[in-house]
Amino acid sequence: MPAAEPDAEPGSAGAPPLEVRLAQALRAARLARGFSTAALAQLSGVSRAMIVKVERGDSQPTAALLGRLCAALGLTLSELFGRVEQPLAHSLRLLRAQDQREWEDPATGYLRRVLSPAAGGPLQLTRIELPAGASVSYPADAYAGIHQQVWVLSGDLEVHEGAEAHRLAAGDCLELGPPRECTFTNPGAAPVRYLVAVAHRRP
């Protein structure tokens, strides 16, 4: 694998602090894997130019784009955002409600709130709010090696795992099956809120 080149310094002036930390976390994950931006582009299907812009903080990534990058880097979205929040944690095992940061997808308004402390352990909890009519998709590789359940807190949620579709209402809980491309859609007129629990599968 080609050596990673120093071509994307994150954190341009004026970028919001969360976006700076996200850019830094993505770049650090890429370098830790020894990937060049070209190698990551080939693995993820995201253009090298876009990866450079994201790592510099010049472009705000969408949830779908982050899903593709994380899949190529062998990370879950929860792990990535856990790394973003870790420097802010007052205790590795405790994350107070006021310290739980939210990230909004610029394309859909999808709102992601990290609930798990930085220590994390094998379980990661995230609360998602998906606006009315919004939809977000992730590649099959994003689900490799993990066990994931989705519990709807309020509203209605459609989950498509490949060709298989599920319609969930408040209180319903779905365990995702083998890795397949997944699409989460809010078919209702009000936001849907749901909890995502992710754990790594045992080897």
Protein backbone atom coordinates (compact mmCIF):
# COMPACT_ATOMS: atom_id res chain seq x y z
CA MET A 1 0.00 0.00 0.00
CA PRO A 2 1.47 3.43 -0.90
CA ALA A 3 2.67 5.60 1.99
CA ALA A 4 0.26 8.32 3.06
CA GLU A 5 1.21 11.73 1.79
CA PRO A 6 0.92 14.94 3.86
CA ASP A 7 -1.55 16.57 1.48
CA ALA A 8 -4.56 17.46 3.63
CA GLU A 9 -3.96 19.53 6.72
CA PRO A 10 -7.31 19.80 8.54
CA GLY A 11 -8.84 22.74 10.25
CA SER A 12 -9.05 25.73 7.95
CA ALA A 13 -9.58 29.10 9.54
CA GLY A 14 -13.20 29.80 10.36
CA ALA A 15 -14.32 26.14 10.30
CA PRO A 16 -16.62 25.22 13.22
CA PRO A 17 -14.78 23.35 16.02
CA LEU A 18 -16.80 20.16 15.48
CA GLU A 19 -15.94 20.12 11.78
CA VAL A 20 -12.27 20.67 12.62
CA ARG A 21 -12.28 17.72 15.02
CA LEU A 22 -14.11 15.55 12.50
CA ALA A 23 -11.58 16.42 9.80
CA GLN A 24 -8.72 15.62 12.18
CA ALA A 25 -10.28 12.30 13.21
CA LEU A 26 -10.76 11.21 9.59
CA ARG A 27 -7.22 12.16 8.63
CA ALA A 28 -5.77 10.42 11.70
CA ALA A 29 -7.74 7.25 10.90
CA ARG A 30 -6.47 7.29 7.32
CA LEU A 31 -2.85 7.77 8.38
CA ALA A 32 -3.16 5.06 11.03
CA ARG A 33 -4.12 2.63 8.27
CA GLY A 34 -1.23 3.81 6.10
CA PHE A 35 -3.56 4.88 3.30
CA SER A 36 -2.84 7.69 0.88
CA THR A 37 -5.82 9.81 -0.13
CA ALA A 38 -5.70 8.06 -3.52
CA ALA A 39 -5.83 4.63 -1.87
CA LEU A 40 -8.76 5.68 0.33
CA ALA A 41 -10.54 7.08 -2.73
CA GLN A 42 -10.18 3.76 -4.51
CA LEU A 43 -11.44 1.77 -1.52
CA SER A 44 -14.36 4.06 -0.66
CA GLY A 45 -15.55 5.27 -4.05
CA VAL A 46 -15.22 8.87 -2.79
CA SER A 47 -13.09 11.09 -5.03
CA ARG A 48 -9.62 12.01 -3.84
CA ALA A 49 -10.46 15.70 -4.29
CA MET A 50 -13.45 15.36 -1.95
CA ILE A 51 -11.39 13.48 0.66
CA VAL A 52 -8.79 16.27 0.63
CA LYS A 53 -11.53 18.92 1.03
CA VAL A 54 -13.11 17.03 3.94
CA GLU A 55 -9.77 16.51 5.71
CA ARG A 56 -8.94 20.19 5.34
CA GLY A 57 -12.32 21.24 6.71
CA ASP A 58 -13.17 22.93 3.40
CA SER A 59 -16.22 20.73 2.78
CA GLN A 60 -18.77 19.45 5.26
CA PRO A 61 -19.27 15.70 4.68
CA THR A 62 -22.72 14.15 4.42
CA ALA A 63 -23.79 11.12 6.46
CA ALA A 64 -23.69 8.95 3.35
CA LEU A 65 -20.16 10.09 2.48
CA LEU A 66 -18.98 9.48 6.06
CA GLY A 67 -20.49 6.01 5.90
CA ARG A 68 -18.45 5.19 2.80
CA LEU A 69 -15.22 6.55 4.26
CA CYS A 70 -15.72 4.78 7.58
CA ALA A 71 -16.44 1.49 5.82
CA ALA A 72 -13.17 1.77 3.89
CA LEU A 73 -11.28 2.66 7.09
CA GLY A 74 -12.77 -0.24 9.05
CA LEU A 75 -14.64 2.07 11.43
CA THR A 76 -18.26 2.47 12.42
CA LEU A 77 -19.76 5.95 12.42
CA SER A 78 -20.14 5.62 16.19
CA GLU A 79 -16.40 4.94 16.55
CA LEU A 80 -15.54 7.94 14.39
CA PHE A 81 -17.73 10.32 16.38
CA GLY A 82 -16.46 8.77 19.61
CA ARG A 83 -12.96 9.80 18.55
CA VAL A 84 -14.22 13.28 17.75
CA GLU A 85 -15.75 13.68 21.22
CA GLN A 86 -13.01 11.99 23.27
CA PRO A 87 -10.98 15.16 23.96
CA LEU A 88 -14.11 16.80 25.40
CA ALA A 89 -14.96 14.03 27.87
CA HIS A 90 -14.50 14.93 31.54
CA SER A 91 -14.50 11.23 32.41
CA LEU A 92 -13.83 8.36 30.05
CA ARG A 93 -16.72 6.39 31.57
CA LEU A 94 -19.21 9.24 31.96
CA LEU A 95 -20.60 11.54 29.30
CA ARG A 96 -23.00 14.10 30.77
CA ALA A 97 -26.10 15.07 28.80
CA GLN A 98 -24.81 18.61 28.34
CA ASP A 99 -21.56 17.26 26.88
CA GLN A 100 -23.24 15.01 24.30
CA ARG A 101 -22.60 16.72 20.99
CA GLU A 102 -24.89 16.64 17.95
CA TRP A 103 -23.88 16.55 14.30
CA GLU A 104 -26.25 17.50 11.47
CA ASP A 105 -25.99 16.08 7.96
CA PRO A 106 -25.93 19.07 5.59
CA ALA A 107 -27.73 17.09 2.88
CA THR A 108 -30.73 15.72 4.80
CA GLY A 109 -30.93 17.43 8.21
CA TYR A 110 -30.29 14.03 9.82
CA LEU A 111 -29.22 14.74 13.42
CA ARG A 112 -26.81 12.38 15.19
CA ARG A 113 -26.22 12.55 18.97
CA VAL A 114 -23.42 10.47 20.49
CA LEU A 115 -24.58 9.01 23.82
CA SER A 116 -21.75 6.65 24.75
CA PRO A 117 -18.77 7.79 26.84
CA ALA A 118 -15.35 7.87 25.21
CA ALA A 119 -14.32 4.63 26.96
CA GLY A 120 -17.17 3.03 25.05
CA GLY A 121 -16.32 -0.62 25.53
CA PRO A 122 -17.90 -3.05 23.08
CA LEU A 123 -21.23 -1.14 22.95
CA GLN A 124 -21.93 2.21 21.32
CA LEU A 125 -25.22 4.09 21.62
CA THR A 126 -26.38 6.86 19.29
CA ARG A 127 -29.66 8.76 19.04
CA ILE A 128 -30.77 9.71 15.54
CA GLU A 129 -33.41 12.21 14.43
CA LEU A 130 -34.44 11.97 10.77
CA PRO A 131 -36.62 14.79 9.38
CA ALA A 132 -39.90 14.13 7.58
CA GLY A 133 -39.32 12.71 4.10
CA ALA A 134 -35.55 12.39 4.61
CA SER A 135 -33.52 9.33 3.68
CA VAL A 136 -29.91 8.25 4.28
CA SER A 137 -28.04 5.23 2.88
CA TYR A 138 -24.93 3.33 3.93
CA PRO A 139 -22.90 0.71 2.03
CA ALA A 140 -22.85 -2.95 3.05
CA ASP A 141 -19.22 -2.63 4.21
CA ALA A 142 -20.35 -0.23 6.93
CA TYR A 143 -21.99 -3.19 8.71
CA ALA A 144 -19.13 -5.68 8.43
CA GLY A 145 -18.08 -7.15 11.77
CA ILE A 146 -20.76 -5.42 13.85
CA HIS A 147 -24.07 -6.28 15.45
CA GLN A 148 -26.62 -3.48 15.22
CA GLN A 149 -30.10 -2.92 16.58
CA VAL A 150 -32.47 -0.03 15.89
CA TRP A 151 -35.14 0.96 18.44
CA VAL A 152 -37.70 3.57 17.36
CA LEU A 153 -38.42 6.15 20.06
CA SER A 154 -41.06 8.17 18.20
CA GLY A 155 -42.44 8.43 14.68
CA ASP A 156 -42.24 5.93 11.81
CA LEU A 157 -39.12 4.53 10.16
CA GLU A 158 -38.58 2.47 7.02
CA VAL A 159 -35.41 0.37 6.91
CA HIS A 160 -34.35 -1.26 3.64
CA GLU A 161 -31.69 -3.97 3.96
CA GLY A 162 -30.92 -4.73 0.34
CA ALA A 163 -34.27 -5.84 -1.11
CA GLU A 164 -35.79 -6.51 2.33
CA ALA A 165 -37.98 -3.74 3.78
CA HIS A 166 -39.17 -3.12 7.34
CA ARG A 167 -41.72 -0.55 8.53
CA LEU A 168 -41.14 0.34 12.19
CA ALA A 169 -43.31 2.32 14.60
CA ALA A 170 -42.56 3.72 18.05
CA GLY A 171 -41.39 0.94 20.36
CA ASP A 172 -40.37 -1.44 17.56
CA CYS A 173 -36.83 -2.81 17.63
CA LEU A 174 -35.03 -4.28 14.60
CA GLU A 175 -31.84 -6.33 14.58
CA LEU A 176 -30.02 -5.83 11.30
CA GLY A 177 -29.02 -8.98 9.44
CA PRO A 178 -25.91 -9.85 7.39
CA PRO A 179 -24.08 -6.85 5.86
CA ARG A 180 -26.16 -5.30 3.08
CA GLU A 181 -26.61 -1.79 1.78
CA CYS A 182 -29.09 -0.13 4.14
CA THR A 183 -31.36 2.85 3.65
CA PHE A 184 -33.20 4.58 6.50
CA THR A 185 -36.24 6.63 5.44
CA ASN A 186 -38.78 8.71 7.33
CA PRO A 187 -42.09 8.29 5.46
CA GLY A 188 -44.05 10.39 7.93
CA ALA A 189 -44.91 14.08 8.29
CA ALA A 190 -42.99 14.49 11.57
CA PRO A 191 -39.39 13.70 12.56
CA VAL A 192 -38.60 10.13 13.55
CA ARG A 193 -36.28 9.54 16.49
CA TYR A 194 -34.51 6.25 17.05
CA LEU A 195 -31.73 4.70 19.09
CA VAL A 196 -28.92 2.78 17.39
CA ALA A 197 -26.97 0.24 19.44
CA VAL A 198 -23.77 -1.11 17.86
CA ALA A 199 -21.50 -3.85 19.18
CA HIS A 200 -18.57 -5.59 17.52
CA ARG A 201 -19.18 -9.23 16.72
CA ARG A 202 -16.90 -11.75 18.35
CA PRO A 203 -14.32 -13.29 15.97
